[in-house]
């Protein structure tokens, strides 16, 4: 089969635009390069984007087939004009318009069904107009058009075998043996069928007169994909698979054994904002691969954990306002620069607050998810005018309006449900009448946090890796560090035996990985991506006394406790932070192999 794809990386020196033509609003586009590579950006643009930027005619499509269009985009500066990107197919807009807010690369996706071999695809950008700033505040890269789902069963391929140092290029992938003796072969052969799993030609691994030496084979995919499925039939032995992205980073490894089954349905979905570019298979006996399915559908069941935190601290090359923009009632806002913990306050304000103080577009939300919105506040002085704070979501009030009366820092909470990926949040402040001679805006604020009201971590579909003392493992919801001086290894593993239903299933954090010497103290830090009011997790196969402690975002100890093994060696660890405090770190001590799983993080 012929695999259609169109990729524009802007890297080519002779044809960086790959057939894309500049349209009315794309005339100032240029190719820009930095240490990470080349991309498209606007140069000296004036005004607002309100239409077509690029256009291209796609040829070679298959009618009735579905295709995915994607590109990577990021903001360049903090213009008041926020761009929204979309595509049109033959002049008809594709579903979804994506707002570009964040200053780091993010993949945006659209989908269409071809009705003819050729279609005209147009990139469209619309800036939200604003006085003063110019628009076109974004860069983009890696425009891909590729089938939503494609398959490969090697029908029509002739029998052909290769040895070390050779490669076999097929329409959808390239086979390269990377290790093994000279007499070991891999390639395409026709063998006895197993209906639905192996039929006709298939990839053969470890074709050799000797079955005693393991062979590693690399499969490079013609087009990187979000998920990959195929059948691996192995009459004997054990085989390993490692999945890698385009940057050669290991995504996951897994072992299959003929002791459990002779035919395995291999199915892997890459983490969000990632893809599978190649895989490595390691086997010691002859086995076969067939019925490949490559999918471009992004993972839906594991969206990235969204946490937006504004602490107003100055950092090199970073906006201390974190994208928040002053509203009509916030023009007198300033940030303290003489405090150990900076915050926002009003300076030389005259009159009363009655409207929008700050506003920001919040992106990467998951529709249908409840989010917690909180901030720390306190009174700044003794004005008789009491401020009341609330938030609007897309100009609709969020439930909850709070008067700020306390001169001590305290945290206010709101909650909203996302109905789309991007929402506009605005902080609203209103002063009461008080004494007419007093000035309003008598409050300070800090530490604005937006995060899921409830988040979970079960360590399924995360990188499986063991670390040594002094190393850190970064996961979607937390960072796991084995502290210096600890014995043994720790990290993430996948268990297929000794599971504890509802407490430890599949992936888990392991303390004292198998093979490590027991009873030498092991200490780990679990640093959370968010900060939470409540924590709950399961500690299983815990049969020696242990220790757990909880810390806030400043590293201040909130509580510590000894853990006593339960009769069945399994226990739940639960903690709720005091009022106006949040948990950001967990410390655990163990002296023997045990597992942590089923984490729940809650925001008040």
Protein backbone atom coordinates (compact mmCIF):
# COMPACT_ATOMS: atom_id res chain seq x y z
CA UNK A 1 0.00 0.00 0.00
CA UNK A 2 1.11 3.58 -0.60
CA UNK A 3 1.18 5.63 2.59
CA UNK A 4 0.16 9.27 2.08
CA UNK A 5 1.61 11.95 4.29
CA UNK A 6 2.67 15.57 3.95
CA UNK A 7 5.14 17.05 6.44
CA UNK A 8 6.43 20.62 6.52
CA UNK A 9 9.25 21.11 9.02
CA UNK A 10 10.65 24.38 7.55
CA UNK A 11 14.13 22.83 7.77
CA UNK A 12 14.85 22.43 4.03
CA UNK A 13 17.25 25.05 2.70
CA UNK A 14 15.91 24.94 -0.87
CA UNK A 15 12.15 24.50 -0.25
CA UNK A 16 11.36 25.26 3.40
CA UNK A 17 7.69 26.06 2.67
CA UNK A 18 7.06 22.65 1.03
CA UNK A 19 4.50 24.04 -1.40
CA UNK A 20 2.58 26.21 1.08
CA UNK A 21 1.75 29.60 -0.46
CA UNK A 22 1.49 32.83 1.50
CA UNK A 23 -2.01 34.29 1.48
CA UNK A 24 -3.29 37.78 2.29
CA UNK A 25 -2.31 37.72 5.97
CA UNK A 26 0.85 35.68 5.55
CA UNK A 27 2.97 38.04 3.49
CA UNK A 28 5.30 38.89 6.41
CA UNK A 29 5.95 35.26 7.33
CA UNK A 30 9.60 34.23 7.46
CA UNK A 31 11.48 31.06 8.38
CA UNK A 32 13.36 31.54 11.65
CA UNK A 33 15.90 29.15 13.17
CA UNK A 34 17.20 28.69 16.70
CA UNK A 35 19.19 26.00 18.47
CA UNK A 36 16.21 23.64 18.42
CA UNK A 37 15.46 23.99 14.69
CA UNK A 38 13.52 26.09 12.18
CA UNK A 39 9.93 27.35 12.28
CA UNK A 40 7.65 29.98 10.74
CA UNK A 41 7.04 33.36 12.38
CA UNK A 42 5.85 36.84 11.44
CA UNK A 43 8.32 39.68 10.94
CA UNK A 44 7.32 43.33 11.44
CA UNK A 45 3.60 42.59 11.22
CA UNK A 46 1.30 45.53 11.85
CA UNK A 47 -2.37 45.33 12.70
CA UNK A 48 -4.50 42.23 13.28
CA UNK A 49 -4.73 38.85 11.57
CA UNK A 50 -8.24 38.34 10.25
CA UNK A 51 -8.08 35.72 7.51
CA UNK A 52 -6.01 33.35 5.39
CA UNK A 53 -2.32 32.93 6.22
CA UNK A 54 -1.14 29.95 4.13
CA UNK A 55 -2.69 27.72 1.49
CA UNK A 56 -1.75 24.47 -0.25
CA UNK A 57 -3.33 21.98 -2.65
CA UNK A 58 -3.07 18.43 -1.35
CA UNK A 59 -2.84 15.74 -4.03
CA UNK A 60 -2.84 11.97 -3.72
CA UNK A 61 -5.56 11.68 -1.10
CA UNK A 62 -7.84 8.66 -1.01
CA UNK A 63 -11.57 9.54 -1.18
CA UNK A 64 -13.56 8.42 1.92
CA UNK A 65 -10.38 8.21 4.03
CA UNK A 66 -10.09 10.36 7.16
CA UNK A 67 -7.02 12.54 7.69
CA UNK A 68 -5.56 14.45 10.58
CA UNK A 69 -4.06 17.94 10.18
CA UNK A 70 -1.75 19.11 12.94
CA UNK A 71 0.81 21.78 13.67
CA UNK A 72 2.82 22.95 16.64
CA UNK A 73 2.29 26.54 17.80
CA UNK A 74 3.42 28.84 20.59
CA UNK A 75 3.18 32.50 21.62
CA UNK A 76 6.24 34.70 21.05
CA UNK A 77 5.50 37.64 23.31
CA UNK A 78 2.55 38.82 25.38
CA UNK A 79 0.59 40.91 22.90
CA UNK A 80 -2.89 41.96 23.97
CA UNK A 81 -4.07 40.42 20.69
CA UNK A 82 -4.60 36.69 21.21
CA UNK A 83 -4.50 34.60 18.01
CA UNK A 84 -6.91 31.76 17.21
CA UNK A 85 -5.98 29.26 14.48
CA UNK A 86 -8.17 27.13 12.25
CA UNK A 87 -8.09 25.39 8.86
CA UNK A 88 -10.53 25.41 5.94
CA UNK A 89 -10.89 22.63 3.36
CA UNK A 90 -11.98 23.96 -0.04
CA UNK A 91 -13.19 27.08 1.76
CA UNK A 92 -15.25 25.20 4.36
CA UNK A 93 -13.95 25.63 7.95
CA UNK A 94 -12.86 22.48 9.75
CA UNK A 95 -14.29 21.94 13.20
CA UNK A 96 -12.44 23.64 16.09
CA UNK A 97 -10.58 26.91 16.44
CA UNK A 98 -7.59 26.76 18.78
CA UNK A 99 -6.46 29.79 20.78
CA UNK A 100 -2.67 30.11 21.09
CA UNK A 101 -1.83 31.33 24.57
CA UNK A 102 1.17 29.54 26.01
CA UNK A 103 4.83 30.44 25.29
CA UNK A 104 5.84 26.81 24.70
CA UNK A 105 5.18 24.46 21.80
CA UNK A 106 1.84 22.68 21.78
CA UNK A 107 0.28 20.45 19.12
CA UNK A 108 -3.09 21.53 17.65
CA UNK A 109 -5.22 19.08 15.64
CA UNK A 110 -8.03 19.10 13.07
CA UNK A 111 -9.67 16.30 11.05
CA UNK A 112 -11.31 15.93 7.64
CA UNK A 113 -12.64 13.22 5.32
CA UNK A 114 -11.40 13.35 1.74
CA UNK A 115 -14.09 13.34 -0.96
CA UNK A 116 -11.67 13.66 -3.90
CA UNK A 117 -8.00 12.95 -4.67
CA UNK A 118 -7.19 16.67 -4.29
CA UNK A 119 -8.31 19.32 -1.82
CA UNK A 120 -7.28 22.89 -1.03
CA UNK A 121 -6.22 23.38 2.61
CA UNK A 122 -5.95 26.87 4.10
CA UNK A 123 -4.55 28.02 7.45
CA UNK A 124 -6.63 30.84 8.94
CA UNK A 125 -5.74 33.11 11.87
CA UNK A 126 -7.91 35.59 13.74
CA UNK A 127 -6.55 37.97 16.38
CA UNK A 128 -8.76 39.24 19.14
CA UNK A 129 -8.47 42.99 18.51
CA UNK A 130 -6.99 45.21 21.20
CA UNK A 131 -5.88 48.81 21.29
CA UNK A 132 -2.16 49.44 21.14
CA UNK A 133 -0.58 46.06 20.41
CA UNK A 134 0.00 44.47 17.03
CA UNK A 135 -1.14 40.92 16.40
CA UNK A 136 0.38 37.83 14.74
CA UNK A 137 1.90 36.93 18.10
CA UNK A 138 2.72 33.27 17.42
CA UNK A 139 5.12 30.90 15.68
CA UNK A 140 4.27 27.54 14.13
CA UNK A 141 6.08 24.43 12.95
CA UNK A 142 5.66 20.79 11.89
CA UNK A 143 2.54 20.91 9.73
CA UNK A 144 1.45 17.29 9.22
CA UNK A 145 -1.31 15.85 7.05
CA UNK A 146 -1.56 12.08 7.50
CA UNK A 147 -4.19 9.34 7.54
CA UNK A 148 -6.11 9.11 10.78
CA UNK A 149 -5.70 5.33 10.70
CA UNK A 150 -3.52 3.23 8.39
CA UNK A 151 -2.59 -0.43 8.36
CA UNK A 152 0.10 -2.80 7.13
CA UNK A 153 -0.23 -6.57 6.68
CA UNK A 154 2.62 -6.94 4.14
CA UNK A 155 0.39 -8.50 1.46
CA UNK A 156 2.16 -8.46 -1.89
CA UNK A 157 5.63 -8.22 -0.35
CA UNK A 158 8.10 -10.88 -1.61
CA UNK A 159 10.09 -13.05 0.77
CA UNK A 160 13.33 -11.22 1.56
CA UNK A 161 15.76 -11.63 4.45
CA UNK A 162 18.52 -9.29 5.65
CA UNK A 163 21.37 -9.54 8.15
CA UNK A 164 23.27 -7.17 10.46
CA UNK A 165 24.29 -3.93 8.77
CA UNK A 166 21.42 -4.07 6.25
CA UNK A 167 17.98 -2.42 6.12
CA UNK A 168 14.72 -3.34 4.42
CA UNK A 169 12.51 -0.37 3.51
CA UNK A 170 8.78 -1.07 3.22
CA UNK A 171 5.94 1.38 2.47
CA UNK A 172 5.08 1.96 6.14
CA UNK A 173 8.27 1.09 8.03
CA UNK A 174 11.95 0.19 7.74
CA UNK A 175 13.45 -2.95 9.31
CA UNK A 176 17.05 -2.81 10.58
CA UNK A 177 18.74 -5.55 12.64
CA UNK A 178 21.06 -3.82 15.11
CA UNK A 179 22.74 -6.78 16.82
CA UNK A 180 23.24 -10.51 16.54
CA UNK A 181 25.55 -12.98 14.75
CA UNK A 182 25.99 -12.84 10.99
CA UNK A 183 23.86 -15.94 10.41
CA UNK A 184 20.75 -14.43 12.07
CA UNK A 185 18.24 -13.04 9.56
CA UNK A 186 15.16 -10.86 9.73
CA UNK A 187 12.80 -9.62 7.03
CA UNK A 188 9.62 -10.77 5.29
CA UNK A 189 8.57 -14.42 4.94
CA UNK A 190 5.35 -16.32 4.27
CA UNK A 191 4.61 -18.88 6.96
CA UNK A 192 1.83 -21.04 8.34
CA UNK A 193 -1.19 -18.79 9.02
CA UNK A 194 -2.86 -18.11 12.35
CA UNK A 195 -6.16 -16.50 11.25
CA UNK A 196 -6.50 -12.86 12.27
CA UNK A 197 -3.01 -12.75 13.79
CA UNK A 198 -0.60 -13.91 11.09
CA UNK A 199 -1.65 -14.43 7.47
CA UNK A 200 0.47 -14.42 4.31
CA UNK A 201 3.73 -12.44 4.45
CA UNK A 202 4.87 -11.24 7.89
CA UNK A 203 7.98 -9.84 9.57
CA UNK A 204 10.17 -12.63 10.95
CA UNK A 205 12.59 -12.11 13.83
CA UNK A 206 15.48 -14.43 14.75
CA UNK A 207 15.50 -16.56 11.58
CA UNK A 208 18.68 -18.52 12.31
CA UNK A 209 20.01 -22.08 12.46
CA UNK A 210 20.98 -21.30 16.07
CA UNK A 211 18.30 -20.22 18.57
CA UNK A 212 20.63 -19.38 21.45
CA UNK A 213 21.61 -15.76 20.72
CA UNK A 214 19.19 -12.85 21.11
CA UNK A 215 18.65 -10.45 18.22
CA UNK A 216 17.72 -6.76 18.40
CA UNK A 217 15.74 -5.30 15.50
CA UNK A 218 14.78 -1.67 14.98
CA UNK A 219 11.52 -0.71 13.22
CA UNK A 220 11.42 2.92 12.02
CA UNK A 221 7.88 4.04 11.22
CA UNK A 222 7.36 5.87 7.95
CA UNK A 223 5.15 8.36 9.80
CA UNK A 224 5.26 8.85 13.59
CA UNK A 225 1.95 7.85 15.15
CA UNK A 226 0.06 8.35 18.40
CA UNK A 227 -0.76 4.67 18.86
CA UNK A 228 0.46 1.39 17.43
CA UNK A 229 -1.10 -2.07 17.40
CA UNK A 230 0.12 -5.37 15.95
CA UNK A 231 0.24 -9.12 16.64
CA UNK A 232 3.43 -10.80 17.84
CA UNK A 233 3.37 -14.60 17.62
CA UNK A 234 6.17 -16.36 19.48
CA UNK A 235 6.08 -20.15 19.96
CA UNK A 236 8.99 -20.04 22.43
CA UNK A 237 10.90 -17.73 24.73
CA UNK A 238 10.63 -14.13 25.84
CA UNK A 239 10.59 -10.91 23.81
CA UNK A 240 11.03 -7.26 24.77
CA UNK A 241 9.70 -4.11 23.09
CA UNK A 242 10.92 -0.54 23.62
CA UNK A 243 9.04 2.45 22.17
CA UNK A 244 10.85 5.71 21.31
CA UNK A 245 9.76 9.17 20.15
CA UNK A 246 11.32 11.28 17.39
CA UNK A 247 13.85 12.66 19.89
CA UNK A 248 15.00 9.08 20.68
CA UNK A 249 13.54 9.27 24.18
CA UNK A 250 12.33 5.97 25.62
CA UNK A 251 8.56 6.08 26.11
CA UNK A 252 7.93 2.60 27.45
CA UNK A 253 9.31 -0.92 27.52
CA UNK A 254 7.41 -4.17 27.97
CA UNK A 255 8.20 -7.89 28.07
CA UNK A 256 6.11 -10.66 26.47
CA UNK A 257 6.50 -14.37 27.15
CA UNK A 258 5.38 -17.50 25.34
CA UNK A 259 4.63 -18.90 28.79
CA UNK A 260 1.48 -16.76 29.00
CA UNK A 261 0.41 -16.97 25.35
CA UNK A 262 1.98 -17.75 22.00
CA UNK A 263 0.19 -14.84 20.28
CA UNK A 264 0.19 -11.35 21.79
CA UNK A 265 -1.85 -8.35 20.71
CA UNK A 266 0.64 -5.53 21.22
CA UNK A 267 -1.16 -2.23 21.78
CA UNK A 268 0.53 0.99 22.91
CA UNK A 269 -0.70 4.58 23.01
CA UNK A 270 1.96 7.29 23.40
CA UNK A 271 1.66 9.89 26.17
CA UNK A 272 -0.07 13.18 25.40
CA UNK A 273 2.06 15.61 23.34
CA UNK A 274 4.20 12.69 22.18
CA UNK A 275 4.35 10.12 19.39
CA UNK A 276 5.95 6.81 18.46
CA UNK A 277 8.74 7.20 15.89
CA UNK A 278 10.49 3.84 16.20
CA UNK A 279 10.62 0.71 18.31
CA UNK A 280 13.20 -1.89 19.19
CA UNK A 281 12.40 -5.59 19.55
CA UNK A 282 14.68 -8.04 21.30
CA UNK A 283 13.99 -11.76 20.95
CA UNK A 284 15.84 -15.02 21.39
CA UNK A 285 13.65 -17.34 19.31
CA UNK A 286 11.97 -17.14 15.93
CA UNK A 287 8.79 -15.07 16.06
CA UNK A 288 6.54 -13.09 13.72
CA UNK A 289 4.91 -9.63 13.50
CA UNK A 290 1.81 -8.91 11.43
CA UNK A 291 -1.40 -6.87 11.15
CA UNK A 292 0.02 -3.45 12.07
CA UNK A 293 -2.37 -0.53 12.73
CA UNK A 294 -1.02 3.03 12.98
CA UNK A 295 -3.37 5.61 14.51
CA UNK A 296 -3.14 9.40 14.74
CA UNK A 297 -5.88 9.75 17.37
CA UNK A 298 -4.42 11.56 20.42
CA UNK A 299 -4.87 9.94 23.79
CA UNK A 300 -8.17 11.02 25.32
CA UNK A 301 -8.19 9.09 28.58
CA UNK A 302 -5.00 10.68 29.88
CA UNK A 303 -5.00 14.44 29.21
CA UNK A 304 -2.05 16.35 30.60
CA UNK A 305 -2.57 17.54 34.15
CA UNK A 306 -3.37 21.23 33.83
CA UNK A 307 -1.96 23.47 36.55
CA UNK A 308 -1.78 27.24 36.12
CA UNK A 309 0.07 28.92 38.98
CA UNK A 310 0.77 32.65 39.25
CA UNK A 311 3.02 33.52 42.21
CA UNK A 312 4.16 36.92 40.84
CA UNK A 313 7.81 36.13 41.51
CA UNK A 314 10.42 37.61 39.10
CA UNK A 315 12.29 35.03 37.04
CA UNK A 316 14.74 35.46 34.16
CA UNK A 317 13.00 35.62 30.77
CA UNK A 318 9.61 35.05 32.38
CA UNK A 319 6.53 37.23 32.78
CA UNK A 320 5.88 37.65 36.53
CA UNK A 321 2.20 38.23 35.73
CA UNK A 322 2.06 34.81 34.01
CA UNK A 323 -0.15 36.04 31.20
CA UNK A 324 -2.67 37.94 33.36
CA UNK A 325 -3.51 41.32 31.84
CA UNK A 326 -4.69 44.38 33.76
CA UNK A 327 -8.33 45.27 33.26
CA UNK A 328 -9.95 48.69 33.47
CA UNK A 329 -9.90 48.52 37.29
CA UNK A 330 -6.40 47.06 37.53
CA UNK A 331 -4.24 49.75 35.95
CA UNK A 332 -2.82 50.78 39.36
CA UNK A 333 -1.64 47.25 40.16
CA UNK A 334 2.05 46.77 40.91
CA UNK A 335 4.15 43.87 42.15
CA UNK A 336 6.16 44.15 45.35
CA UNK A 337 9.87 43.76 44.78
CA UNK A 338 11.15 44.06 48.35
CA UNK A 339 9.46 41.05 49.91
CA UNK A 340 10.68 37.45 50.33
CA UNK A 341 7.31 36.43 48.87
CA UNK A 342 6.16 38.93 46.24
CA UNK A 343 2.50 39.72 45.66
CA UNK A 344 0.22 42.11 43.76
CA UNK A 345 -1.13 45.32 45.30
CA UNK A 346 -2.58 48.67 44.25
CA UNK A 347 -0.43 51.80 44.26
CA UNK A 348 -1.78 55.38 44.18
CA UNK A 349 -5.31 54.16 43.50
CA UNK A 350 -8.06 56.78 43.68
CA UNK A 351 -11.75 56.03 43.81
CA UNK A 352 -13.67 52.76 44.04
CA UNK A 353 -13.16 49.39 42.40
CA UNK A 354 -16.10 48.38 40.28
CA UNK A 355 -15.15 45.89 37.58
CA UNK A 356 -12.39 43.86 35.96
CA UNK A 357 -9.03 43.87 37.73
CA UNK A 358 -7.22 41.12 35.78
CA UNK A 359 -8.06 38.88 32.84
CA UNK A 360 -6.50 35.83 31.20
CA UNK A 361 -7.30 33.17 28.62
CA UNK A 362 -6.91 29.73 30.17
CA UNK A 363 -6.05 27.02 27.63
CA UNK A 364 -5.61 23.22 27.70
CA UNK A 365 -8.72 22.67 29.79
CA UNK A 366 -10.60 19.39 29.43
CA UNK A 367 -14.32 19.92 28.69
CA UNK A 368 -16.53 18.37 31.37
CA UNK A 369 -13.82 18.60 34.05
CA UNK A 370 -14.32 20.49 37.32
CA UNK A 371 -11.53 22.95 38.14
CA UNK A 372 -10.52 24.58 41.39
CA UNK A 373 -9.64 28.29 41.26
CA UNK A 374 -8.04 29.79 44.35
CA UNK A 375 -5.97 32.76 45.48
CA UNK A 376 -4.48 34.15 48.67
CA UNK A 377 -5.74 37.57 49.79
CA UNK A 378 -5.50 40.00 52.70
CA UNK A 379 -6.39 43.58 53.51
CA UNK A 380 -3.62 46.08 52.78
CA UNK A 381 -4.76 48.87 55.13
CA UNK A 382 -7.67 50.11 57.21
CA UNK A 383 -9.93 51.68 54.59
CA UNK A 384 -13.61 51.75 55.46
CA UNK A 385 -14.32 50.52 51.94
CA UNK A 386 -14.41 46.72 51.98
CA UNK A 387 -13.53 45.00 48.69
CA UNK A 388 -15.52 42.00 47.48
CA UNK A 389 -13.88 39.59 45.01
CA UNK A 390 -15.37 37.26 42.42
CA UNK A 391 -14.48 35.74 39.05
CA UNK A 392 -16.24 35.73 35.69
CA UNK A 393 -15.87 32.83 33.24
CA UNK A 394 -16.47 34.04 29.69
CA UNK A 395 -18.25 37.07 31.21
CA UNK A 396 -20.58 34.86 33.30
CA UNK A 397 -20.15 35.03 37.10
CA UNK A 398 -18.58 32.01 38.80
CA UNK A 399 -20.45 31.06 41.95
CA UNK A 400 -18.94 32.70 45.03
CA UNK A 401 -18.36 36.31 46.07
CA UNK A 402 -16.07 37.00 49.05
CA UNK A 403 -15.54 40.14 51.13
CA UNK A 404 -11.89 40.65 52.11
CA UNK A 405 -11.87 41.73 55.76
CA UNK A 406 -8.89 39.93 57.34
CA UNK A 407 -5.45 41.53 57.52
CA UNK A 408 -3.89 38.03 57.55
CA UNK A 409 -3.33 36.02 54.40
CA UNK A 410 -6.11 33.53 53.73
CA UNK A 411 -7.16 31.50 50.70
CA UNK A 412 -10.40 31.90 48.75
CA UNK A 413 -11.77 29.09 46.58
CA UNK A 414 -14.02 28.98 43.53
CA UNK A 415 -14.96 26.09 41.28
CA UNK A 416 -16.02 25.95 37.63
CA UNK A 417 -16.68 23.31 35.00
CA UNK A 418 -14.92 23.68 31.66
CA UNK A 419 -17.22 23.40 28.65
CA UNK A 420 -14.47 23.93 26.08
CA UNK A 421 -10.70 23.83 25.82
CA UNK A 422 -10.22 27.58 26.28
CA UNK A 423 -12.03 29.97 28.62
CA UNK A 424 -11.61 33.61 29.58
CA UNK A 425 -11.22 34.24 33.33
CA UNK A 426 -11.56 37.71 34.85
CA UNK A 427 -11.02 38.80 38.44
CA UNK A 428 -13.78 41.20 39.49
CA UNK A 429 -13.47 43.56 42.48
CA UNK A 430 -16.15 45.82 43.94
CA UNK A 431 -15.70 48.25 46.84
CA UNK A 432 -18.63 49.04 49.10
CA UNK A 433 -19.47 52.69 49.77
CA UNK A 434 -17.70 53.04 53.15
CA UNK A 435 -16.49 56.50 54.02
CA UNK A 436 -16.45 58.67 50.96
CA UNK A 437 -13.08 60.14 51.92
CA UNK A 438 -11.34 56.75 52.00
CA UNK A 439 -9.75 55.21 48.95
CA UNK A 440 -10.72 51.77 47.70
CA UNK A 441 -8.69 48.84 46.41
CA UNK A 442 -7.62 48.03 49.97
CA UNK A 443 -6.34 44.49 49.42
CA UNK A 444 -3.36 42.46 48.20
CA UNK A 445 -3.40 39.10 46.44
CA UNK A 446 -1.01 36.29 45.53
CA UNK A 447 -0.72 32.65 44.50
CA UNK A 448 -3.53 32.28 41.95
CA UNK A 449 -3.96 28.56 41.25
CA UNK A 450 -6.11 26.85 38.64
CA UNK A 451 -6.04 23.04 38.64
CA UNK A 452 -8.45 20.09 38.47
CA UNK A 453 -10.64 19.89 41.56
CA UNK A 454 -9.72 16.20 41.76
CA UNK A 455 -6.72 14.53 40.10
CA UNK A 456 -5.62 10.91 40.05
CA UNK A 457 -2.40 8.98 39.43
CA UNK A 458 -2.39 5.20 38.97
CA UNK A 459 0.90 5.00 37.00
CA UNK A 460 -0.66 3.22 34.04
CA UNK A 461 0.94 4.13 30.70
CA UNK A 462 3.82 6.04 32.29
CA UNK A 463 7.51 5.53 31.66
CA UNK A 464 8.71 2.41 33.49
CA UNK A 465 12.09 3.23 34.98
CA UNK A 466 14.15 2.51 38.08
CA UNK A 467 16.41 5.20 39.53
CA UNK A 468 19.34 5.28 41.91
CA UNK A 469 19.99 7.50 44.92
CA UNK A 470 20.18 11.15 43.88
CA UNK A 471 18.13 10.69 40.70
CA UNK A 472 14.65 11.99 39.83
CA UNK A 473 11.89 10.47 37.71
CA UNK A 474 9.44 12.98 36.19
CA UNK A 475 5.87 11.73 35.72
CA UNK A 476 2.66 13.46 34.53
CA UNK A 477 1.45 14.44 38.02
CA UNK A 478 4.59 14.35 40.17
CA UNK A 479 8.38 14.09 40.40
CA UNK A 480 9.77 11.09 42.26
CA UNK A 481 13.25 11.48 43.80
CA UNK A 482 15.30 8.82 45.57
CA UNK A 483 17.24 10.87 48.11
CA UNK A 484 21.04 10.61 48.47
CA UNK A 485 22.17 7.97 50.93
CA UNK A 486 19.22 5.70 50.23
CA UNK A 487 19.82 2.03 49.54
CA UNK A 488 18.65 0.13 46.49
CA UNK A 489 16.62 1.34 43.51
CA UNK A 490 13.10 2.75 43.26
CA UNK A 491 10.81 3.92 40.47
CA UNK A 492 7.91 2.76 38.34
CA UNK A 493 7.11 -0.85 37.51
CA UNK A 494 4.20 -2.77 36.04
CA UNK A 495 2.95 -5.69 38.12
CA UNK A 496 1.11 -8.65 36.62
CA UNK A 497 1.08 -10.69 39.85
CA UNK A 498 0.38 -10.03 43.53
CA UNK A 499 -2.01 -7.23 42.60
CA UNK A 500 -4.28 -5.82 45.30
CA UNK A 501 -7.62 -4.91 43.65
CA UNK A 502 -8.48 -1.25 44.17
CA UNK A 503 -5.13 -0.52 45.85
CA UNK A 504 -2.36 -1.72 43.51
CA UNK A 505 -3.05 -2.75 39.91
CA UNK A 506 -0.80 -2.54 36.84
CA UNK A 507 1.67 0.32 37.17
CA UNK A 508 2.87 1.49 40.58
CA UNK A 509 5.70 3.25 42.38
CA UNK A 510 8.03 0.67 43.88
CA UNK A 511 10.22 1.26 46.92
CA UNK A 512 13.12 -1.15 47.04
CA UNK A 513 12.81 -2.55 43.54
CA UNK A 514 13.21 -6.33 43.18
CA UNK A 515 16.81 -7.36 43.81
CA UNK A 516 17.62 -4.45 46.13
CA UNK A 517 18.94 -5.29 49.62
CA UNK A 518 16.21 -4.96 52.23
CA UNK A 519 16.19 -2.98 55.47
CA UNK A 520 18.73 -0.30 54.48
CA UNK A 521 16.71 2.92 54.92
CA UNK A 522 15.31 4.31 51.68
CA UNK A 523 13.95 7.87 51.56
CA UNK A 524 11.97 9.37 48.68
CA UNK A 525 10.46 12.76 47.91
CA UNK A 526 7.25 12.95 45.89
CA UNK A 527 6.93 16.52 44.58
CA UNK A 528 3.45 17.19 43.24
CA UNK A 529 2.81 19.16 40.06
CA UNK A 530 -0.06 20.93 41.84
CA UNK A 531 -0.65 21.91 45.47
CA UNK A 532 -3.62 20.28 47.16
CA UNK A 533 -5.84 20.39 50.21
CA UNK A 534 -6.09 16.62 50.50
CA UNK A 535 -3.96 13.57 49.62
CA UNK A 536 -4.82 9.87 49.59
CA UNK A 537 -2.81 6.88 48.34
CA UNK A 538 -2.46 3.14 48.88
CA UNK A 539 0.70 1.64 50.39
CA UNK A 540 0.73 -2.11 49.73
CA UNK A 541 2.98 -5.01 50.73
CA UNK A 542 4.10 -2.77 53.59
CA UNK A 543 5.24 -5.17 56.32
CA UNK A 544 7.86 -3.12 58.21
CA UNK A 545 7.28 0.19 60.05
CA UNK A 546 7.66 3.21 57.78
CA UNK A 547 7.38 6.99 57.80
CA UNK A 548 5.44 9.59 55.83
CA UNK A 549 5.52 13.40 56.01
CA UNK A 550 3.67 16.21 54.23
CA UNK A 551 5.12 19.62 53.29
CA UNK A 552 3.67 22.83 51.86
CA UNK A 553 4.92 24.68 48.77
CA UNK A 554 7.55 26.51 50.86
CA UNK A 555 9.01 23.28 52.23
CA UNK A 556 7.44 23.77 55.67
CA UNK A 557 6.55 20.53 57.45
CA UNK A 558 2.79 20.18 57.93
CA UNK A 559 2.64 16.74 59.55
CA UNK A 560 4.74 13.61 59.98
CA UNK A 561 3.72 10.16 61.15
CA UNK A 562 5.00 6.64 61.63
CA UNK A 563 3.18 3.99 59.62
CA UNK A 564 2.43 0.65 61.24
CA UNK A 565 1.88 -2.35 58.95
CA UNK A 566 -1.69 -3.59 58.74
CA UNK A 567 -2.51 -7.24 59.28
CA UNK A 568 -2.79 -7.84 55.54
CA UNK A 569 0.22 -5.54 54.80
CA UNK A 570 -1.95 -3.04 52.88
CA UNK A 571 -3.04 0.40 54.12
CA UNK A 572 -4.45 3.72 52.94
CA UNK A 573 -2.52 6.90 53.73
CA UNK A 574 -4.77 9.97 53.98
CA UNK A 575 -4.04 13.57 54.92
CA UNK A 576 -5.89 16.88 54.84
CA UNK A 577 -3.95 20.14 55.15
CA UNK A 578 -4.87 22.79 57.74
CA UNK A 579 -6.97 25.76 56.63
CA UNK A 580 -5.14 28.10 54.23
CA UNK A 581 -2.34 25.56 53.70
CA UNK A 582 -1.67 23.23 50.75
CA UNK A 583 0.39 20.07 50.31
CA UNK A 584 3.13 20.16 47.65
CA UNK A 585 5.49 17.39 48.77
CA UNK A 586 5.26 13.94 50.36
CA UNK A 587 8.25 12.23 51.96
CA UNK A 588 8.24 8.46 52.45
CA UNK A 589 10.74 6.20 54.26
CA UNK A 590 10.79 2.44 53.75
CA UNK A 591 13.07 -0.44 54.74
CA UNK A 592 11.71 -3.18 52.49
CA UNK A 593 10.06 -3.58 49.10
CA UNK A 594 6.57 -2.09 48.99
CA UNK A 595 4.40 -0.25 46.48
CA UNK A 596 2.53 3.07 46.27
CA UNK A 597 -0.48 3.42 43.97
CA UNK A 598 -3.96 4.91 43.48
CA UNK A 599 -3.09 8.51 44.40
CA UNK A 600 -5.97 10.99 44.72
CA UNK A 601 -5.28 14.73 44.96
CA UNK A 602 -8.15 17.03 45.98
CA UNK A 603 -8.56 20.80 46.00
CA UNK A 604 -11.04 22.33 48.42
